[in-house]
N, C-alpha and C. Protein backbone atom coordinates (compact mmCIF):
# COMPACT_ATOMS: atom_id res chain seq x y z
N MET A 1 121.75 -8.25 -23.91
CA MET A 1 121.28 -8.72 -24.86
C MET A 1 119.89 -8.92 -25.31
N PHE A 2 119.41 -8.52 -26.51
CA PHE A 2 118.02 -8.54 -26.62
C PHE A 2 117.29 -9.67 -26.70
N LYS A 3 115.69 -9.77 -26.09
CA LYS A 3 115.22 -11.23 -26.01
C LYS A 3 114.36 -11.11 -27.22
N LYS A 4 113.54 -9.88 -27.40
CA LYS A 4 112.85 -9.88 -28.28
C LYS A 4 112.80 -9.00 -29.45
N VAL A 5 112.90 -9.75 -30.93
CA VAL A 5 113.38 -8.55 -32.34
C VAL A 5 112.50 -8.77 -33.04
N LEU A 6 112.10 -7.87 -33.54
CA LEU A 6 111.19 -7.84 -35.01
C LEU A 6 112.04 -7.18 -36.18
N VAL A 7 111.88 -8.01 -37.37
CA VAL A 7 112.71 -7.81 -38.54
C VAL A 7 111.77 -7.70 -39.73
N ALA A 8 112.03 -6.29 -39.95
CA ALA A 8 111.33 -5.86 -41.24
C ALA A 8 111.87 -5.94 -42.76
N GLU A 9 111.87 -7.04 -43.15
CA GLU A 9 112.31 -7.26 -44.49
C GLU A 9 111.36 -8.24 -45.46
N ASP A 10 111.61 -7.86 -46.69
CA ASP A 10 110.59 -8.40 -47.89
C ASP A 10 111.40 -9.53 -48.74
N LEU A 11 112.81 -9.45 -48.54
CA LEU A 11 113.22 -10.70 -49.20
C LEU A 11 113.93 -11.75 -48.19
N GLY A 12 113.28 -12.95 -48.83
CA GLY A 12 113.54 -14.43 -48.44
C GLY A 12 114.96 -14.67 -47.70
N SER A 13 115.64 -14.59 -48.81
CA SER A 13 117.03 -14.84 -48.80
C SER A 13 118.12 -13.97 -47.43
N ILE A 14 117.54 -12.39 -47.76
CA ILE A 14 118.20 -12.01 -46.48
C ILE A 14 117.78 -12.12 -45.13
N ASN A 15 116.32 -12.62 -44.94
CA ASN A 15 115.36 -12.83 -43.86
C ASN A 15 116.32 -13.88 -43.05
N GLU A 16 116.72 -14.83 -44.24
CA GLU A 16 117.46 -16.22 -43.72
C GLU A 16 118.30 -15.81 -43.02
N GLY A 17 119.70 -14.91 -43.49
CA GLY A 17 120.96 -14.42 -42.98
C GLY A 17 120.74 -13.95 -41.57
N ILE A 18 119.39 -12.96 -41.78
CA ILE A 18 119.30 -11.86 -40.52
C ILE A 18 118.92 -13.13 -39.36
N GLN A 19 118.16 -14.19 -39.73
CA GLN A 19 117.76 -14.92 -38.67
C GLN A 19 118.79 -16.01 -38.20
N ALA A 20 119.77 -16.21 -39.11
CA ALA A 20 121.13 -16.89 -38.33
C ALA A 20 121.91 -16.12 -37.69
N THR A 21 121.95 -14.86 -37.81
CA THR A 21 122.66 -14.10 -37.50
C THR A 21 122.11 -13.94 -35.60
N LEU A 22 120.87 -13.44 -35.76
CA LEU A 22 120.09 -13.44 -34.23
C LEU A 22 120.11 -14.87 -33.39
N ARG A 23 120.13 -15.95 -34.41
CA ARG A 23 119.98 -17.10 -33.33
C ARG A 23 121.57 -17.34 -32.82
N ASN A 24 122.61 -17.22 -33.78
CA ASN A 24 124.10 -16.97 -33.33
C ASN A 24 124.27 -16.34 -32.06
N LEU A 25 123.47 -15.18 -31.91
CA LEU A 25 123.48 -14.35 -30.76
C LEU A 25 122.64 -14.70 -29.50
N SER A 26 121.81 -16.06 -29.43
CA SER A 26 121.19 -16.39 -28.58
C SER A 26 119.82 -15.78 -28.53
N ILE A 27 119.59 -15.03 -29.51
CA ILE A 27 118.24 -13.97 -29.03
C ILE A 27 116.87 -15.13 -29.26
N PRO A 28 116.27 -15.32 -28.39
CA PRO A 28 115.19 -16.19 -28.03
C PRO A 28 114.07 -15.98 -28.82
N GLU A 29 113.42 -14.97 -29.02
CA GLU A 29 112.05 -14.32 -29.58
C GLU A 29 112.25 -13.36 -30.95
N ILE A 30 112.29 -14.27 -32.05
CA ILE A 30 112.31 -13.45 -33.19
C ILE A 30 111.12 -13.20 -34.02
N ALA A 31 110.51 -12.25 -34.50
CA ALA A 31 109.35 -11.98 -35.47
C ALA A 31 109.77 -11.42 -36.57
N TYR A 32 108.97 -11.64 -37.65
CA TYR A 32 109.34 -11.25 -38.91
C TYR A 32 108.01 -10.65 -39.67
N ALA A 33 108.35 -9.50 -40.53
CA ALA A 33 107.11 -8.72 -41.21
C ALA A 33 107.80 -8.60 -42.69
N SER A 34 106.98 -8.63 -43.52
CA SER A 34 107.36 -8.62 -44.98
C SER A 34 106.88 -7.16 -45.36
N TYR A 35 106.10 -6.54 -44.57
CA TYR A 35 105.31 -5.23 -44.95
C TYR A 35 105.74 -4.18 -43.82
N CYS A 36 105.91 -2.84 -44.26
CA CYS A 36 106.13 -1.83 -43.20
C CYS A 36 104.85 -1.99 -42.14
N ASP A 37 103.50 -1.91 -42.99
CA ASP A 37 102.41 -1.77 -42.12
C ASP A 37 102.02 -2.96 -41.27
N GLU A 38 102.64 -4.03 -41.64
CA GLU A 38 102.58 -5.46 -40.68
C GLU A 38 103.42 -4.96 -39.76
N ALA A 39 104.70 -4.65 -39.67
CA ALA A 39 105.59 -4.47 -38.72
C ALA A 39 105.05 -3.13 -37.61
N TYR A 40 104.55 -2.56 -38.34
CA TYR A 40 103.83 -1.17 -37.57
C TYR A 40 102.82 -1.97 -36.41
N LEU A 41 102.15 -2.89 -37.17
CA LEU A 41 100.90 -3.49 -36.31
C LEU A 41 101.53 -4.58 -35.15
N LYS A 42 102.58 -4.95 -35.62
CA LYS A 42 103.05 -5.89 -34.62
C LYS A 42 103.80 -5.33 -33.45
N VAL A 43 104.21 -3.97 -33.91
CA VAL A 43 104.91 -3.45 -32.51
C VAL A 43 103.94 -2.83 -31.74
N LYS A 44 102.71 -2.31 -32.29
CA LYS A 44 101.63 -1.89 -31.74
C LYS A 44 101.12 -2.66 -30.69
N LYS A 45 100.99 -4.13 -31.33
CA LYS A 45 100.00 -5.05 -30.42
C LYS A 45 101.16 -5.78 -29.38
N ALA A 46 102.27 -5.60 -29.73
CA ALA A 46 103.18 -6.38 -28.82
C ALA A 46 103.47 -5.24 -27.49
N THR A 47 102.90 -4.07 -27.68
CA THR A 47 103.24 -3.01 -26.76
C THR A 47 101.72 -3.29 -25.93
N LEU A 48 100.71 -3.26 -26.53
CA LEU A 48 99.35 -3.40 -25.83
C LEU A 48 99.22 -4.76 -25.00
N GLN A 49 99.88 -5.75 -25.49
CA GLN A 49 100.20 -6.88 -24.49
C GLN A 49 101.08 -6.97 -23.35
N GLN A 50 101.74 -5.71 -23.56
CA GLN A 50 102.95 -5.50 -22.51
C GLN A 50 103.76 -6.51 -22.43
N ALA A 51 104.26 -6.99 -23.55
CA ALA A 51 105.62 -7.68 -24.42
C ALA A 51 106.26 -7.06 -25.59
N PRO A 52 106.60 -5.61 -25.30
CA PRO A 52 107.06 -5.10 -26.20
C PRO A 52 108.43 -5.56 -27.02
N PHE A 53 108.77 -5.53 -28.15
CA PHE A 53 109.94 -5.79 -28.73
C PHE A 53 110.88 -4.61 -28.36
N GLU A 54 112.04 -5.33 -28.40
CA GLU A 54 113.39 -4.45 -27.74
C GLU A 54 114.13 -4.05 -28.96
N LEU A 55 113.60 -4.33 -29.83
CA LEU A 55 114.57 -4.14 -31.11
C LEU A 55 113.57 -4.18 -32.37
N LEU A 56 114.21 -3.12 -33.25
CA LEU A 56 113.52 -3.34 -34.76
C LEU A 56 114.63 -3.32 -35.72
N ILE A 57 115.04 -4.50 -36.67
CA ILE A 57 115.64 -3.95 -37.80
C ILE A 57 115.25 -3.98 -38.95
N THR A 58 115.18 -3.21 -39.81
CA THR A 58 114.44 -2.98 -40.98
C THR A 58 115.03 -2.33 -42.24
N ASP A 59 114.95 -3.03 -43.31
CA ASP A 59 115.30 -2.71 -44.23
C ASP A 59 114.62 -1.20 -44.82
N LEU A 60 115.03 -0.28 -45.88
CA LEU A 60 114.29 0.89 -46.29
C LEU A 60 113.76 0.75 -47.41
N SER A 61 113.81 -0.28 -48.38
CA SER A 61 113.30 -0.32 -49.71
C SER A 61 112.29 -1.72 -49.58
N PHE A 62 111.00 -1.51 -49.79
CA PHE A 62 110.28 -2.61 -50.11
C PHE A 62 109.57 -2.83 -51.46
N LYS A 63 109.45 -3.79 -51.93
CA LYS A 63 108.86 -3.88 -53.25
C LYS A 63 107.20 -4.19 -53.07
N PRO A 64 106.84 -3.05 -54.00
CA PRO A 64 105.28 -2.90 -53.73
C PRO A 64 104.65 -4.09 -54.54
N ASP A 65 103.51 -4.44 -53.93
CA ASP A 65 102.65 -5.45 -54.56
C ASP A 65 101.13 -5.26 -54.67
N TYR A 66 100.50 -6.18 -54.76
CA TYR A 66 98.81 -5.98 -55.08
C TYR A 66 98.41 -5.37 -53.50
N ARG A 67 99.06 -5.41 -52.37
CA ARG A 67 98.57 -4.84 -51.04
C ARG A 67 98.54 -3.25 -51.02
N ASN A 68 97.59 -2.82 -50.62
CA ASN A 68 97.51 -1.38 -50.49
C ASN A 68 97.99 -0.91 -48.95
N ASN A 69 99.50 -0.46 -49.25
CA ASN A 69 99.57 -0.47 -47.75
C ASN A 69 100.06 1.22 -47.71
N HIS A 70 99.81 1.47 -46.43
CA HIS A 70 100.06 2.90 -45.87
C HIS A 70 101.62 3.35 -45.72
N LEU A 71 102.43 2.52 -45.24
CA LEU A 71 103.47 2.57 -44.93
C LEU A 71 104.57 1.97 -46.07
N ALA A 72 105.23 2.88 -46.97
CA ALA A 72 105.84 2.13 -48.05
C ALA A 72 107.31 1.91 -48.04
N SER A 73 108.01 2.57 -47.08
CA SER A 73 109.26 2.42 -46.70
C SER A 73 109.90 2.04 -45.46
N GLY A 74 111.20 2.15 -45.10
CA GLY A 74 111.40 1.60 -43.81
C GLY A 74 111.71 3.17 -43.37
N LYS A 75 111.65 4.00 -43.99
CA LYS A 75 112.10 5.35 -43.57
C LYS A 75 110.62 5.97 -43.16
N GLU A 76 109.46 5.65 -43.73
CA GLU A 76 108.27 6.05 -43.04
C GLU A 76 107.92 5.14 -41.58
N LEU A 77 108.25 3.89 -41.67
CA LEU A 77 108.27 3.04 -40.43
C LEU A 77 108.96 3.35 -39.48
N ALA A 78 110.33 3.86 -39.68
CA ALA A 78 111.16 4.44 -38.72
C ALA A 78 110.61 5.80 -38.22
N SER A 79 110.17 6.50 -38.79
CA SER A 79 109.54 8.07 -38.50
C SER A 79 108.28 7.69 -37.57
N ILE A 80 107.73 6.94 -37.76
CA ILE A 80 106.29 6.86 -37.15
C ILE A 80 106.57 5.92 -35.91
N LEU A 81 107.37 5.20 -35.83
CA LEU A 81 107.89 4.49 -34.57
C LEU A 81 108.53 5.04 -33.68
N ALA A 82 109.25 6.15 -34.22
CA ALA A 82 110.05 7.02 -33.46
C ALA A 82 109.06 7.92 -32.61
N ALA A 83 108.31 8.65 -33.47
CA ALA A 83 107.36 9.51 -32.80
C ALA A 83 106.29 8.85 -31.75
N GLU A 84 105.74 7.17 -32.23
CA GLU A 84 104.97 6.83 -31.40
C GLU A 84 105.34 5.66 -30.29
N HIS A 85 106.50 5.03 -30.62
CA HIS A 85 107.32 4.09 -29.79
C HIS A 85 108.72 4.32 -29.54
N PRO A 86 109.08 5.45 -28.64
CA PRO A 86 110.57 6.01 -28.99
C PRO A 86 111.43 4.81 -27.85
N GLU A 87 110.69 3.91 -27.45
CA GLU A 87 111.35 2.86 -26.30
C GLU A 87 111.77 2.06 -27.20
N VAL A 88 111.55 1.71 -28.61
CA VAL A 88 112.01 0.62 -29.58
C VAL A 88 113.44 1.04 -30.16
N PRO A 89 114.47 0.85 -29.99
CA PRO A 89 115.75 1.02 -30.74
C PRO A 89 115.54 0.43 -32.45
N ILE A 90 116.01 1.12 -33.05
CA ILE A 90 116.13 0.69 -34.87
C ILE A 90 117.30 0.63 -35.15
N ILE A 91 117.59 -0.27 -35.97
CA ILE A 91 118.82 -0.39 -36.64
C ILE A 91 118.41 -0.79 -38.32
N ILE A 92 118.89 0.38 -38.94
CA ILE A 92 118.47 0.21 -40.55
C ILE A 92 119.72 -1.04 -41.22
N PHE A 93 118.94 -1.70 -41.96
CA PHE A 93 119.74 -2.62 -42.89
C PHE A 93 119.57 -2.44 -44.22
N SER A 94 120.34 -1.79 -44.84
CA SER A 94 119.81 -1.19 -45.99
C SER A 94 121.18 -1.55 -47.05
N VAL A 95 120.83 -1.67 -48.57
CA VAL A 95 121.75 -1.67 -49.40
C VAL A 95 122.35 -0.10 -49.69
N ASP A 96 121.38 0.66 -49.51
CA ASP A 96 121.61 2.08 -49.46
C ASP A 96 122.65 2.76 -48.76
N ASP A 97 123.88 3.23 -49.69
CA ASP A 97 124.78 3.62 -48.71
C ASP A 97 125.08 5.18 -48.84
N ARG A 98 124.31 5.47 -49.00
CA ARG A 98 124.27 7.01 -48.93
C ARG A 98 124.40 7.91 -47.86
N VAL A 99 125.36 8.74 -47.71
CA VAL A 99 125.50 9.37 -45.95
C VAL A 99 124.45 9.97 -45.75
N ASP A 100 124.08 10.66 -46.73
CA ASP A 100 122.66 11.70 -46.48
C ASP A 100 121.54 11.09 -46.21
N VAL A 101 121.46 9.85 -46.71
CA VAL A 101 120.19 8.94 -46.31
C VAL A 101 120.35 8.47 -44.92
N ALA A 102 121.39 8.18 -44.68
CA ALA A 102 121.86 7.72 -43.27
C ALA A 102 121.71 8.89 -42.11
N ARG A 103 122.44 10.11 -42.52
CA ARG A 103 122.05 11.14 -41.65
C ARG A 103 120.70 11.61 -41.22
N ALA A 104 119.76 11.65 -42.37
CA ALA A 104 118.44 12.09 -42.12
C ALA A 104 117.73 10.91 -41.03
N LEU A 105 118.11 9.79 -41.17
CA LEU A 105 117.42 8.84 -40.57
C LEU A 105 118.03 8.92 -39.00
N THR A 106 119.15 8.89 -38.70
CA THR A 106 120.06 8.89 -37.65
C THR A 106 119.30 10.09 -37.00
N LYS A 107 118.69 11.09 -37.14
CA LYS A 107 118.20 12.27 -36.45
C LYS A 107 117.22 11.83 -36.09
N LEU A 108 116.37 10.73 -36.20
CA LEU A 108 115.68 10.11 -35.33
C LEU A 108 116.20 9.28 -34.40
N THR A 109 115.55 9.90 -33.09
CA THR A 109 116.58 9.45 -31.79
C THR A 109 116.78 7.97 -31.44
N THR A 110 115.76 7.31 -32.42
CA THR A 110 115.42 5.92 -31.98
C THR A 110 116.44 5.03 -32.91
N VAL A 111 116.75 5.83 -33.77
CA VAL A 111 117.51 4.92 -35.20
C VAL A 111 118.97 5.21 -34.37
N LYS A 112 119.67 3.93 -33.90
CA LYS A 112 120.74 3.65 -33.35
C LYS A 112 121.88 3.25 -33.94
N GLY A 113 121.42 2.49 -35.20
CA GLY A 113 122.52 1.89 -36.18
C GLY A 113 121.74 2.06 -37.73
N TYR A 114 123.23 2.11 -38.43
CA TYR A 114 122.81 1.84 -39.83
C TYR A 114 123.87 0.83 -40.65
N VAL A 115 123.03 -0.04 -40.98
CA VAL A 115 124.30 -1.12 -41.43
C VAL A 115 124.33 -1.22 -42.88
N CYS A 116 125.33 -0.94 -43.59
CA CYS A 116 125.10 -1.70 -45.33
C CYS A 116 125.31 -2.81 -46.01
N LYS A 117 124.12 -3.33 -46.46
CA LYS A 117 124.20 -4.76 -47.05
C LYS A 117 125.73 -4.90 -47.72
N GLY A 118 125.82 -6.22 -47.93
CA GLY A 118 127.17 -6.65 -48.65
C GLY A 118 127.98 -7.42 -48.29
N ARG A 119 129.29 -7.34 -48.38
CA ARG A 119 130.01 -8.71 -48.03
C ARG A 119 130.20 -8.55 -46.24
N LYS A 120 130.48 -7.63 -45.82
CA LYS A 120 130.47 -7.55 -44.74
C LYS A 120 128.96 -7.15 -43.87
N GLY A 121 128.01 -7.38 -44.80
CA GLY A 121 126.52 -6.78 -43.80
C GLY A 121 126.40 -7.19 -42.67
N LEU A 122 126.35 -8.90 -42.79
CA LEU A 122 126.00 -9.69 -41.47
C LEU A 122 126.83 -9.66 -40.26
N LEU A 123 128.43 -9.56 -40.72
CA LEU A 123 129.23 -9.01 -39.61
C LEU A 123 128.75 -7.79 -39.06
N ASP A 124 128.76 -6.60 -39.73
CA ASP A 124 128.38 -5.26 -39.46
C ASP A 124 126.96 -5.94 -38.25
N LEU A 125 126.21 -6.06 -38.88
CA LEU A 125 125.02 -6.49 -38.08
C LEU A 125 124.83 -6.86 -36.65
N THR A 126 126.06 -7.92 -36.70
CA THR A 126 125.94 -8.61 -35.64
C THR A 126 126.71 -7.51 -34.30
N ALA A 127 127.70 -6.99 -35.04
CA ALA A 127 128.21 -5.52 -34.30
C ALA A 127 127.21 -4.59 -33.85
N ALA A 128 126.51 -4.27 -34.83
CA ALA A 128 125.62 -3.32 -34.59
C ALA A 128 124.56 -3.83 -33.37
N ILE A 129 123.90 -4.94 -33.49
CA ILE A 129 123.18 -5.42 -32.33
C ILE A 129 124.10 -5.52 -31.05
N LYS A 130 125.19 -5.76 -31.05
CA LYS A 130 125.60 -5.99 -29.73
C LYS A 130 125.96 -4.32 -29.28
N GLU A 131 126.07 -3.41 -30.11
CA GLU A 131 126.67 -2.24 -29.59
C GLU A 131 125.31 -1.39 -28.94
N VAL A 132 124.22 -1.47 -29.84
CA VAL A 132 123.16 -1.00 -29.48
C VAL A 132 122.64 -1.60 -28.35
N SER A 133 122.89 -2.86 -28.11
CA SER A 133 122.51 -3.69 -26.79
C SER A 133 123.20 -3.03 -25.66
N ARG A 134 124.00 -2.59 -26.01
CA ARG A 134 125.02 -1.93 -24.82
C ARG A 134 124.68 -0.18 -24.52
N GLY A 135 123.71 0.01 -25.66
CA GLY A 135 123.30 1.33 -25.40
C GLY A 135 124.02 2.54 -26.54
N ASN A 136 125.02 1.85 -27.19
CA ASN A 136 125.67 2.64 -27.99
C ASN A 136 125.08 2.62 -29.45
N SER A 137 125.73 3.32 -30.31
CA SER A 137 125.36 3.04 -31.83
C SER A 137 126.45 2.73 -32.68
N PHE A 138 125.92 2.32 -34.00
CA PHE A 138 126.86 1.58 -35.08
C PHE A 138 126.61 2.12 -36.16
N TYR A 139 127.77 2.33 -37.24
CA TYR A 139 127.40 2.63 -38.50
C TYR A 139 128.45 1.85 -39.31
N SER A 140 128.29 0.99 -40.44
CA SER A 140 128.99 0.75 -41.46
C SER A 140 130.15 1.82 -41.77
N GLU A 141 131.11 0.77 -42.18
CA GLU A 141 132.34 1.64 -42.61
C GLU A 141 131.91 2.79 -43.14
N PRO A 142 131.30 2.72 -44.64
CA PRO A 142 131.05 3.88 -45.31
C PRO A 142 130.32 4.80 -44.75
N ILE A 143 129.48 4.51 -44.01
CA ILE A 143 128.49 5.68 -43.37
C ILE A 143 129.19 6.58 -42.13
N ALA A 144 130.15 5.72 -41.41
CA ALA A 144 130.88 6.12 -40.48
C ALA A 144 132.07 7.50 -41.21
N ASN A 145 132.65 6.97 -42.32
CA ASN A 145 133.50 7.77 -42.65
C ASN A 145 132.97 9.00 -43.45
N GLY A 146 131.81 8.78 -44.20
CA GLY A 146 131.18 9.81 -44.75
C GLY A 146 130.68 11.19 -43.61
N PHE A 147 130.08 10.34 -42.16
CA PHE A 147 129.91 11.26 -41.18
C PHE A 147 131.18 12.25 -40.67
N SER A 148 132.12 11.28 -40.72
CA SER A 148 133.40 11.99 -40.18
C SER A 148 134.22 12.94 -41.28
N LYS A 149 133.90 12.71 -42.67
CA LYS A 149 134.10 13.47 -43.48
C LYS A 149 133.82 14.99 -43.82
N ASP A 150 132.45 15.09 -43.61
CA ASP A 150 131.50 16.10 -43.96
C ASP A 150 130.79 16.60 -42.74
N SER A 151 131.48 16.26 -41.47
CA SER A 151 130.66 16.50 -40.42
C SER A 151 130.56 17.88 -40.00
N ASN A 152 131.05 18.82 -40.92
CA ASN A 152 131.24 20.41 -40.40
C ASN A 152 130.30 21.03 -41.89
N PHE A 153 129.82 20.00 -42.90
CA PHE A 153 129.25 20.50 -43.70
C PHE A 153 127.63 20.89 -43.23
N GLU A 154 127.08 22.10 -43.53
CA GLU A 154 125.70 22.23 -43.16
C GLU A 154 124.85 22.98 -44.75
N ILE A 155 123.78 22.23 -44.69
CA ILE A 155 123.30 22.79 -45.89
C ILE A 155 122.12 23.87 -45.21
N THR A 156 122.14 24.83 -45.83
CA THR A 156 121.67 26.32 -45.57
C THR A 156 120.35 26.62 -46.22
N ASP A 157 119.62 27.77 -46.06
CA ASP A 157 118.75 28.34 -46.66
C ASP A 157 119.33 28.58 -48.23
N PHE A 158 120.42 29.38 -48.09
CA PHE A 158 120.73 29.54 -49.46
C PHE A 158 121.19 28.30 -50.34
N ASP A 159 121.73 27.17 -49.71
CA ASP A 159 121.50 25.96 -50.67
C ASP A 159 120.24 25.37 -51.22
N VAL A 160 119.18 25.63 -50.22
CA VAL A 160 118.03 25.15 -50.42
C VAL A 160 117.48 25.71 -51.69
N THR A 161 117.65 27.44 -51.66
CA THR A 161 117.34 28.20 -52.86
C THR A 161 117.59 27.70 -54.16
N LEU A 162 118.97 27.77 -54.11
CA LEU A 162 119.76 27.03 -55.34
C LEU A 162 119.21 25.65 -55.93
N LEU A 163 118.89 24.74 -54.81
CA LEU A 163 118.52 23.61 -55.30
C LEU A 163 117.05 23.47 -55.81
N ASP A 164 116.17 24.34 -55.29
CA ASP A 164 114.68 24.75 -55.61
C ASP A 164 114.78 25.27 -57.31
N GLN A 165 115.68 26.32 -57.36
CA GLN A 165 115.90 26.82 -58.66
C GLN A 165 116.47 25.94 -59.68
N LEU A 166 117.29 25.13 -59.22
CA LEU A 166 117.97 23.90 -60.28
C LEU A 166 116.72 22.91 -60.47
N SER A 167 116.08 22.65 -59.74
CA SER A 167 115.21 21.75 -59.58
C SER A 167 113.70 21.90 -60.93
N LYS A 168 113.87 23.58 -61.06
CA LYS A 168 112.79 24.07 -61.88
C LYS A 168 113.30 24.24 -63.14
N GLY A 169 114.80 23.62 -63.62
CA GLY A 169 115.09 23.58 -64.97
C GLY A 169 116.18 25.03 -65.03
N TYR A 170 116.12 25.77 -64.43
CA TYR A 170 117.18 26.87 -64.59
C TYR A 170 118.62 26.76 -64.48
N GLN A 171 119.36 27.45 -65.45
CA GLN A 171 120.69 27.15 -65.65
C GLN A 171 121.35 28.09 -64.46
N GLN A 172 122.71 28.02 -64.04
CA GLN A 172 123.46 28.74 -63.36
C GLN A 172 123.49 30.13 -63.31
N GLU A 173 123.54 30.42 -64.87
CA GLU A 173 123.36 32.06 -65.07
C GLU A 173 121.93 32.77 -64.74
N ASP A 174 120.99 31.70 -65.10
CA ASP A 174 119.42 32.00 -64.64
C ASP A 174 119.30 32.15 -62.99
N ILE A 175 119.72 31.25 -62.48
CA ILE A 175 120.04 31.16 -60.69
C ILE A 175 120.48 32.59 -60.22
N SER A 176 121.65 33.29 -60.87
CA SER A 176 122.53 33.98 -60.38
C SER A 176 121.52 35.40 -60.76
N TYR A 177 121.35 35.18 -61.67
CA TYR A 177 120.10 36.45 -62.20
C TYR A 177 118.81 36.48 -61.11
N PHE A 178 118.23 35.34 -60.82
CA PHE A 178 117.26 35.12 -59.82
C PHE A 178 117.58 35.85 -58.64
N LEU A 179 118.61 35.45 -58.28
CA LEU A 179 119.27 35.88 -56.75
C LEU A 179 119.52 37.38 -56.38
N LYS A 180 120.07 38.20 -57.86
CA LYS A 180 119.94 39.31 -57.68
C LYS A 180 118.95 40.26 -57.77
N GLU A 181 117.97 39.43 -58.58
CA GLU A 181 116.31 40.34 -58.68
C GLU A 181 115.87 39.88 -57.14
N GLN A 182 116.04 39.10 -56.26
CA GLN A 182 115.68 39.08 -54.98
C GLN A 182 116.36 39.40 -53.84
N ASN A 183 117.61 40.26 -54.51
CA ASN A 183 118.23 40.88 -53.34
C ASN A 183 118.73 39.96 -52.44
N ILE A 184 119.17 38.66 -53.06
CA ILE A 184 119.99 37.46 -52.11
C ILE A 184 121.73 37.68 -52.26
N ARG A 185 122.08 37.50 -51.27
CA ARG A 185 123.48 37.75 -51.18
C ARG A 185 124.27 36.63 -50.75
N PRO A 186 125.26 36.21 -51.39
CA PRO A 186 125.83 36.41 -52.57
C PRO A 186 125.10 35.78 -53.70
N SER A 187 125.33 36.39 -54.88
CA SER A 187 124.48 36.19 -56.15
C SER A 187 125.46 36.18 -57.28
N SER A 188 126.64 36.17 -57.25
CA SER A 188 127.54 36.07 -58.55
C SER A 188 127.69 34.50 -59.21
N LEU A 189 127.93 34.57 -60.56
CA LEU A 189 127.96 33.25 -61.05
C LEU A 189 128.94 32.48 -60.56
N SER A 190 129.75 33.23 -60.23
CA SER A 190 131.00 32.00 -59.77
C SER A 190 130.79 31.56 -58.09
N THR A 191 129.77 32.23 -57.51
CA THR A 191 129.42 31.92 -56.11
C THR A 191 128.51 30.66 -56.46
N VAL A 192 127.65 30.82 -57.36
CA VAL A 192 126.50 29.69 -57.66
C VAL A 192 127.53 28.38 -58.25
N GLU A 193 127.96 28.71 -58.97
CA GLU A 193 128.82 27.52 -59.62
C GLU A 193 129.66 26.83 -58.45
N LYS A 194 130.36 27.43 -57.42
CA LYS A 194 131.05 26.61 -56.52
C LYS A 194 130.21 26.16 -55.55
N ARG A 195 129.08 26.85 -55.34
CA ARG A 195 128.13 26.23 -54.09
C ARG A 195 127.54 24.87 -54.71
N LEU A 196 127.22 25.18 -55.94
CA LEU A 196 126.50 23.61 -56.56
C LEU A 196 127.41 22.54 -56.64
N SER A 197 128.76 23.02 -57.06
CA SER A 197 129.75 21.99 -56.83
C SER A 197 129.93 21.25 -55.76
N LYS A 198 130.12 22.03 -54.68
CA LYS A 198 130.14 21.63 -53.19
C LYS A 198 129.21 20.91 -52.95
N LEU A 199 127.96 21.10 -53.26
CA LEU A 199 126.66 20.50 -52.96
C LEU A 199 126.76 19.14 -53.64
N LYS A 200 127.36 18.79 -54.68
CA LYS A 200 127.52 18.13 -55.93
C LYS A 200 128.35 16.95 -55.15
N ASP A 201 129.36 17.28 -54.40
CA ASP A 201 130.40 16.48 -53.89
C ASP A 201 129.79 15.89 -52.63
N HIS A 202 128.97 16.61 -52.12
CA HIS A 202 128.47 16.47 -50.79
C HIS A 202 127.12 15.42 -50.66
N PHE A 203 126.75 15.44 -51.78
CA PHE A 203 125.50 14.42 -52.04
C PHE A 203 125.98 13.07 -53.12
N ASN A 204 127.38 13.45 -53.32
CA ASN A 204 128.05 12.27 -53.95
C ASN A 204 127.23 12.33 -55.64
N ALA A 205 126.84 13.26 -55.92
CA ALA A 205 125.81 13.45 -57.17
C ALA A 205 126.88 13.29 -58.66
N LYS A 206 126.56 12.94 -59.40
CA LYS A 206 127.50 12.98 -60.73
C LYS A 206 127.09 13.99 -61.76
N ASN A 207 125.74 14.71 -61.43
CA ASN A 207 125.17 15.30 -62.01
C ASN A 207 124.23 16.64 -61.76
N SER A 208 123.87 17.81 -62.13
CA SER A 208 122.56 18.31 -61.71
C SER A 208 121.48 17.88 -61.42
N THR A 209 121.21 16.56 -62.39
CA THR A 209 119.80 15.89 -62.37
C THR A 209 120.01 14.90 -61.33
N GLN A 210 120.88 14.33 -61.01
CA GLN A 210 120.86 13.48 -59.77
C GLN A 210 120.95 14.28 -58.52
N LEU A 211 121.65 15.19 -58.72
CA LEU A 211 121.47 16.07 -57.21
C LEU A 211 120.23 16.52 -57.04
N VAL A 212 119.07 17.01 -57.96
CA VAL A 212 118.10 17.15 -57.76
C VAL A 212 117.58 16.09 -57.28
N ALA A 213 117.48 14.94 -57.68
CA ALA A 213 116.74 13.46 -57.24
C ALA A 213 117.47 13.49 -55.71
N LEU A 214 118.51 13.55 -55.50
CA LEU A 214 118.75 13.44 -53.99
C LEU A 214 118.21 14.33 -53.19
N ALA A 215 118.32 15.63 -53.26
CA ALA A 215 117.70 16.63 -52.77
C ALA A 215 116.13 16.55 -52.34
N LYS A 216 115.46 16.18 -53.55
CA LYS A 216 113.90 15.65 -53.51
C LYS A 216 114.04 14.29 -52.55
N ASP A 217 115.09 13.66 -52.34
CA ASP A 217 114.48 12.22 -51.78
C ASP A 217 114.61 12.53 -50.40
N MET A 218 115.64 13.54 -49.87
CA MET A 218 116.06 14.03 -48.46
C MET A 218 114.99 15.22 -47.96
N GLY A 219 113.63 15.56 -48.98
CA GLY A 219 112.95 16.37 -48.61
C GLY A 219 113.27 17.58 -48.38
N LEU A 220 114.49 18.04 -49.07
CA LEU A 220 114.85 19.44 -48.93
C LEU A 220 114.22 20.24 -49.74
N ILE A 221 113.89 19.76 -50.78
CA ILE A 221 112.78 20.78 -51.72
C ILE A 221 111.75 20.19 -52.29
């Protein structure tokens, strides 16, 4: 089991729940950070002092305030730590249960767990900590089910082109015409309609506006 854990979370009530969870696991050294910059610096300092953290648990969303922070989200924190401190495993603890958000983060080799906040959140967090300490990964049920459901679905360059055109306000008929002009195949209106429908299902988007927003969040466009 881990001996030294850092928690990056800006809500006191949730911090208390995480603290109780870690105490129940008999983890002796627990540190907290309310800002991503603060968490980053604590990881750097601990490593320099040759007493590194063995696990980071981080939220994704942090409410902005008067402080000028360079790292605004848990995603940015996880990305920079994955590059600079790959020895520190990370568990995401977030209310965001979108499969594509989780998939993008778990592409970082250091992100070993994705736990959804909710009724079972702390129970899942306990399970995640135990599994990650054994060298395994853990995903809350909504994420695990999503991974299994669309594991064969791949975002292609063609999809990115469709999403890019959609983000510029073009209708499906316009996109079909654009594809034909650019000699991109397939280009029929029915193909555009079917593929955009599949993308909406994949991203769990209710409409084109939400689909574009989610694609931008994922950095696809």
